[in-house]
Amino acid sequence: MDFATWLSDVRSVMTLVSLLTFVGIIYWAFVAHRKQDFDEAAMLPFADEEPDNRKQEPTHG
């Protein structure tokens, strides 16, 4: 087995591994039972905000 054949085999295996990883990530992201988790994560930036009960200053101008 020469180097060129070995390199070709390695490239083929890495392409297959990359494709399976990509398909796995897509499946994980779009399965229905994860929707609630992603909806909660989408609201995290707003979780630490407190309601602003102060009156807004009038604008001048």
PDB file of N, CA and C in Angstrom:
ATOM      1  N   MET A   1       0.863  -1.191   0.000  1.00  0.00           N
ATOM      2  CA  MET A   1       0.000   0.000   0.000  1.00  0.00           C
ATOM      3  C   MET A   1       0.897   1.237   0.000  1.00  0.00           C
ATOM      4  N   ASP A   2       0.818   1.971  -1.034  1.00  0.00           N
ATOM      5  CA  ASP A   2       1.653   3.157  -1.116  1.00  0.00           C
ATOM      6  C   ASP A   2       0.961   4.351  -0.460  1.00  0.00           C
ATOM      7  N   PHE A   3       1.694   5.424  -0.349  1.00  0.00           N
ATOM      8  CA  PHE A   3       1.209   6.615   0.362  1.00  0.00           C
ATOM      9  C   PHE A   3      -0.011   7.231  -0.304  1.00  0.00           C
ATOM     10  N   ALA A   4      -0.055   7.283  -1.611  1.00  0.00           N
ATOM     11  CA  ALA A   4      -1.178   7.896  -2.335  1.00  0.00           C
ATOM     12  C   ALA A   4      -2.471   7.127  -2.087  1.00  0.00           C
ATOM     13  N   THR A   5      -2.409   5.821  -2.066  1.00  0.00           N
ATOM     14  CA  THR A   5      -3.599   5.003  -1.791  1.00  0.00           C
ATOM     15  C   THR A   5      -4.051   5.201  -0.352  1.00  0.00           C
ATOM     16  N   TRP A   6      -3.083   5.228   0.566  1.00  0.00           N
ATOM     17  CA  TRP A   6      -3.414   5.431   1.975  1.00  0.00           C
ATOM     18  C   TRP A   6      -4.053   6.800   2.194  1.00  0.00           C
ATOM     19  N   LEU A   7      -3.504   7.818   1.554  1.00  0.00           N
ATOM     20  CA  LEU A   7      -4.043   9.168   1.678  1.00  0.00           C
ATOM     21  C   LEU A   7      -5.460   9.248   1.116  1.00  0.00           C
ATOM     22  N   SER A   8      -5.695   8.577   0.016  1.00  0.00           N
ATOM     23  CA  SER A   8      -7.028   8.551  -0.575  1.00  0.00           C
ATOM     24  C   SER A   8      -8.020   7.871   0.363  1.00  0.00           C
ATOM     25  N   ASP A   9      -7.612   6.792   1.006  1.00  0.00           N
ATOM     26  CA  ASP A   9      -8.477   6.094   1.957  1.00  0.00           C
ATOM     27  C   ASP A   9      -8.790   6.971   3.172  1.00  0.00           C
ATOM     28  N   VAL A  10      -7.786   7.677   3.660  1.00  0.00           N
ATOM     29  CA  VAL A  10      -7.981   8.557   4.811  1.00  0.00           C
ATOM     30  C   VAL A  10      -8.950   9.685   4.454  1.00  0.00           C
ATOM     31  N   ARG A  11      -8.809  10.246   3.276  1.00  0.00           N
ATOM     32  CA  ARG A  11      -9.719  11.310   2.847  1.00  0.00           C
ATOM     33  C   ARG A  11     -11.150  10.796   2.740  1.00  0.00           C
ATOM     34  N   SER A  12     -11.309   9.603   2.226  1.00  0.00           N
ATOM     35  CA  SER A  12     -12.651   9.021   2.104  1.00  0.00           C
ATOM     36  C   SER A  12     -13.291   8.797   3.476  1.00  0.00           C
ATOM     37  N   VAL A  13     -12.508   8.286   4.399  1.00  0.00           N
ATOM     38  CA  VAL A  13     -13.028   8.040   5.750  1.00  0.00           C
ATOM     39  C   VAL A  13     -13.373   9.363   6.431  1.00  0.00           C
ATOM     40  N   MET A  14     -12.520  10.367   6.296  1.00  0.00           N
ATOM     41  CA  MET A  14     -12.792  11.663   6.923  1.00  0.00           C
ATOM     42  C   MET A  14     -14.015  12.337   6.308  1.00  0.00           C
ATOM     43  N   THR A  15     -14.220  12.183   5.020  1.00  0.00           N
ATOM     44  CA  THR A  15     -15.415  12.725   4.381  1.00  0.00           C
ATOM     45  C   THR A  15     -16.658  12.055   4.933  1.00  0.00           C
ATOM     46  N   LEU A  16     -16.621  10.756   5.084  1.00  0.00           N
ATOM     47  CA  LEU A  16     -17.761  10.027   5.634  1.00  0.00           C
ATOM     48  C   LEU A  16     -18.024  10.420   7.084  1.00  0.00           C
ATOM     49  N   VAL A  17     -16.980  10.547   7.886  1.00  0.00           N
ATOM     50  CA  VAL A  17     -17.137  10.960   9.286  1.00  0.00           C
ATOM     51  C   VAL A  17     -17.721  12.362   9.366  1.00  0.00           C
ATOM     52  N   SER A  18     -17.243  13.263   8.518  1.00  0.00           N
ATOM     53  CA  SER A  18     -17.757  14.633   8.512  1.00  0.00           C
ATOM     54  C   SER A  18     -19.223  14.678   8.119  1.00  0.00           C
ATOM     55  N   LEU A  19     -19.599  13.911   7.108  1.00  0.00           N
ATOM     56  CA  LEU A  19     -20.990  13.870   6.680  1.00  0.00           C
ATOM     57  C   LEU A  19     -21.889  13.324   7.786  1.00  0.00           C
ATOM     58  N   LEU A  20     -21.476  12.248   8.426  1.00  0.00           N
ATOM     59  CA  LEU A  20     -22.282  11.676   9.511  1.00  0.00           C
ATOM     60  C   LEU A  20     -22.387  12.631  10.696  1.00  0.00           C
ATOM     61  N   THR A  21     -21.320  13.363  10.992  1.00  0.00           N
ATOM     62  CA  THR A  21     -21.369  14.361  12.062  1.00  0.00           C
ATOM     63  C   THR A  21     -22.349  15.468  11.724  1.00  0.00           C
ATOM     64  N   PHE A  22     -22.302  15.951  10.500  1.00  0.00           N
ATOM     65  CA  PHE A  22     -23.217  17.004  10.056  1.00  0.00           C
ATOM     66  C   PHE A  22     -24.669  16.534  10.140  1.00  0.00           C
ATOM     67  N   VAL A  23     -24.954  15.349   9.642  1.00  0.00           N
ATOM     68  CA  VAL A  23     -26.322  14.815   9.692  1.00  0.00           C
ATOM     69  C   VAL A  23     -26.765  14.632  11.141  1.00  0.00           C
ATOM     70  N   GLY A  24     -25.860  14.190  12.010  1.00  0.00           N
ATOM     71  CA  GLY A  24     -26.190  14.024  13.421  1.00  0.00           C
ATOM     72  C   GLY A  24     -26.528  15.343  14.094  1.00  0.00           C
ATOM     73  N   ILE A  25     -25.786  16.390  13.790  1.00  0.00           N
ATOM     74  CA  ILE A  25     -26.061  17.712  14.375  1.00  0.00           C
ATOM     75  C   ILE A  25     -27.389  18.251  13.869  1.00  0.00           C
ATOM     76  N   ILE A  26     -27.668  18.092  12.592  1.00  0.00           N
ATOM     77  CA  ILE A  26     -28.946  18.542  12.034  1.00  0.00           C
ATOM     78  C   ILE A  26     -30.102  17.793  12.691  1.00  0.00           C
ATOM     79  N   TYR A  27     -29.967  16.494  12.846  1.00  0.00           N
ATOM     80  CA  TYR A  27     -31.017  15.700  13.496  1.00  0.00           C
ATOM     81  C   TYR A  27     -31.216  16.169  14.935  1.00  0.00           C
ATOM     82  N   TRP A  28     -30.129  16.364  15.670  1.00  0.00           N
ATOM     83  CA  TRP A  28     -30.218  16.782  17.068  1.00  0.00           C
ATOM     84  C   TRP A  28     -30.906  18.136  17.195  1.00  0.00           C
ATOM     85  N   ALA A  29     -30.623  19.032  16.268  1.00  0.00           N
ATOM     86  CA  ALA A  29     -31.160  20.390  16.355  1.00  0.00           C
ATOM     87  C   ALA A  29     -32.639  20.469  16.002  1.00  0.00           C
ATOM     88  N   PHE A  30     -33.120  19.577  15.172  1.00  0.00           N
ATOM     89  CA  PHE A  30     -34.478  19.719  14.668  1.00  0.00           C
ATOM     90  C   PHE A  30     -35.460  18.654  15.140  1.00  0.00           C
ATOM     91  N   VAL A  31     -35.090  17.794  16.081  1.00  0.00           N
ATOM     92  CA  VAL A  31     -36.074  16.838  16.591  1.00  0.00           C
ATOM     93  C   VAL A  31     -37.091  17.585  17.440  1.00  0.00           C
ATOM     94  N   ALA A  32     -38.313  17.120  17.422  1.00  0.00           N
ATOM     95  CA  ALA A  32     -39.427  17.846  18.040  1.00  0.00           C
ATOM     96  C   ALA A  32     -39.292  17.978  19.558  1.00  0.00           C
ATOM     97  N   HIS A  33     -38.767  16.986  20.231  1.00  0.00           N
ATOM     98  CA  HIS A  33     -38.737  17.054  21.696  1.00  0.00           C
ATOM     99  C   HIS A  33     -37.708  18.047  22.226  1.00  0.00           C
ATOM    100  N   ARG A  34     -36.881  18.652  21.396  1.00  0.00           N
ATOM    101  CA  ARG A  34     -35.919  19.655  21.832  1.00  0.00           C
ATOM    102  C   ARG A  34     -36.471  21.077  21.734  1.00  0.00           C
ATOM    103  N   LYS A  35     -37.655  21.251  21.164  1.00  0.00           N
ATOM    104  CA  LYS A  35     -38.215  22.584  20.933  1.00  0.00           C
ATOM    105  C   LYS A  35     -38.334  23.374  22.240  1.00  0.00           C
ATOM    106  N   GLN A  36     -38.824  22.748  23.286  1.00  0.00           N
ATOM    107  CA  GLN A  36     -38.992  23.457  24.554  1.00  0.00           C
ATOM    108  C   GLN A  36     -37.634  23.921  25.098  1.00  0.00           C
ATOM    109  N   ASP A  37     -36.619  23.082  24.994  1.00  0.00           N
ATOM    110  CA  ASP A  37     -35.279  23.469  25.460  1.00  0.00           C
ATOM    111  C   ASP A  37     -34.755  24.674  24.690  1.00  0.00           C
ATOM    112  N   PHE A  38     -34.945  24.673  23.375  1.00  0.00           N
ATOM    113  CA  PHE A  38     -34.456  25.777  22.565  1.00  0.00           C
ATOM    114  C   PHE A  38     -35.268  27.045  22.804  1.00  0.00           C
ATOM    115  N   ASP A  39     -36.577  26.914  23.059  1.00  0.00           N
ATOM    116  CA  ASP A  39     -37.383  28.091  23.365  1.00  0.00           C
ATOM    117  C   ASP A  39     -36.928  28.732  24.679  1.00  0.00           C
ATOM    118  N   GLU A  40     -36.612  27.904  25.667  1.00  0.00           N
ATOM    119  CA  GLU A  40     -36.106  28.424  26.940  1.00  0.00           C
ATOM    120  C   GLU A  40     -34.746  29.100  26.743  1.00  0.00           C
ATOM    121  N   ALA A  41     -33.880  28.490  25.954  1.00  0.00           N
ATOM    122  CA  ALA A  41     -32.561  29.064  25.707  1.00  0.00           C
ATOM    123  C   ALA A  41     -32.673  30.389  24.947  1.00  0.00           C
ATOM    124  N   ALA A  42     -33.664  30.502  24.088  1.00  0.00           N
ATOM    125  CA  ALA A  42     -33.847  31.742  23.325  1.00  0.00           C
ATOM    126  C   ALA A  42     -34.250  32.903  24.225  1.00  0.00           C
ATOM    127  N   MET A  43     -34.871  32.622  25.363  1.00  0.00           N
ATOM    128  CA  MET A  43     -35.314  33.670  26.275  1.00  0.00           C
ATOM    129  C   MET A  43     -34.259  34.025  27.333  1.00  0.00           C
ATOM    130  N   LEU A  44     -33.145  33.320  27.379  1.00  0.00           N
ATOM    131  CA  LEU A  44     -32.116  33.577  28.390  1.00  0.00           C
ATOM    132  C   LEU A  44     -31.580  35.009  28.389  1.00  0.00           C
ATOM    133  N   PRO A  45     -31.385  35.664  27.257  1.00  0.00           N
ATOM    134  CA  PRO A  45     -30.888  37.045  27.321  1.00  0.00           C
ATOM    135  C   PRO A  45     -31.834  37.998  28.051  1.00  0.00           C
ATOM    136  N   PHE A  46     -33.093  37.661  28.136  1.00  0.00           N
ATOM    137  CA  PHE A  46     -34.066  38.537  28.778  1.00  0.00           C
ATOM    138  C   PHE A  46     -34.366  38.123  30.222  1.00  0.00           C
ATOM    139  N   ALA A  47     -33.751  37.068  30.707  1.00  0.00           N
ATOM    140  CA  ALA A  47     -34.070  36.524  32.024  1.00  0.00           C
ATOM    141  C   ALA A  47     -33.641  37.442  33.163  1.00  0.00           C
ATOM    142  N   ASP A  48     -32.577  38.206  33.004  1.00  0.00           N
ATOM    143  CA  ASP A  48     -32.081  39.027  34.105  1.00  0.00           C
ATOM    144  C   ASP A  48     -32.605  40.457  34.078  1.00  0.00           C
ATOM    145  N   GLU A  49     -33.456  40.770  33.148  1.00  0.00           N
ATOM    146  CA  GLU A  49     -34.000  42.121  33.084  1.00  0.00           C
ATOM    147  C   GLU A  49     -35.112  42.295  34.111  1.00  0.00           C
ATOM    148  N   GLU A  50     -35.054  43.429  34.792  1.00  0.00           N
ATOM    149  CA  GLU A  50     -36.099  43.754  35.763  1.00  0.00           C
ATOM    150  C   GLU A  50     -37.054  44.750  35.112  1.00  0.00           C
ATOM    151  N   PRO A  51     -38.311  44.670  35.452  1.00  0.00           N
ATOM    152  CA  PRO A  51     -39.243  45.644  34.867  1.00  0.00           C
ATOM    153  C   PRO A  51     -38.888  47.058  35.309  1.00  0.00           C
ATOM    154  N   ASP A  52     -38.981  47.984  34.415  1.00  0.00           N
ATOM    155  CA  ASP A  52     -38.641  49.369  34.706  1.00  0.00           C
ATOM    156  C   ASP A  52     -39.923  50.114  35.079  1.00  0.00           C
ATOM    157  N   ASN A  53     -40.095  50.371  36.372  1.00  0.00           N
ATOM    158  CA  ASN A  53     -41.317  51.011  36.860  1.00  0.00           C
ATOM    159  C   ASN A  53     -41.158  52.527  37.003  1.00  0.00           C
ATOM    160  N   ARG A  54     -39.964  53.036  36.721  1.00  0.00           N
ATOM    161  CA  ARG A  54     -39.760  54.472  36.833  1.00  0.00           C
ATOM    162  C   ARG A  54     -40.412  55.186  35.661  1.00  0.00           C
ATOM    163  N   LYS A  55     -40.823  56.424  35.918  1.00  0.00           N
ATOM    164  CA  LYS A  55     -41.365  57.230  34.836  1.00  0.00           C
ATOM    165  C   LYS A  55     -40.236  57.672  33.937  1.00  0.00           C
ATOM    166  N   GLN A  56     -40.498  57.675  32.666  1.00  0.00           N
ATOM    167  CA  GLN A  56     -39.481  58.113  31.715  1.00  0.00           C
ATOM    168  C   GLN A  56     -39.440  59.639  31.730  1.00  0.00           C
ATOM    169  N   GLU A  57     -38.226  60.166  31.685  1.00  0.00           N
ATOM    170  CA  GLU A  57     -38.065  61.614  31.669  1.00  0.00           C
ATOM    171  C   GLU A  57     -38.636  62.168  30.376  1.00  0.00           C
ATOM    172  N   PRO A  58     -39.261  63.319  30.469  1.00  0.00           N
ATOM    173  CA  PRO A  58     -39.775  63.911  29.227  1.00  0.00           C
ATOM    174  C   PRO A  58     -38.619  64.293  28.318  1.00  0.00           C
ATOM    175  N   THR A  59     -38.857  64.182  27.055  1.00  0.00           N
ATOM    176  CA  THR A  59     -37.814  64.558  26.098  1.00  0.00           C
ATOM    177  C   THR A  59     -37.853  66.071  25.885  1.00  0.00           C
ATOM    178  N   HIS A  60     -36.698  66.621  25.757  1.00  0.00           N
ATOM    179  CA  HIS A  60     -36.583  68.062  25.560  1.00  0.00           C
ATOM    180  C   HIS A  60     -36.244  68.319  24.095  1.00  0.00           C
ATOM    181  N   GLY A  61     -37.037  69.138  23.455  1.00  0.00           N
ATOM    182  CA  GLY A  61     -36.656  69.496  22.120  1.00  0.00           C
ATOM    183  C   GLY A  61     -37.726  69.502  21.121  1.00  0.00           C
TER     184      GLY A  61
END
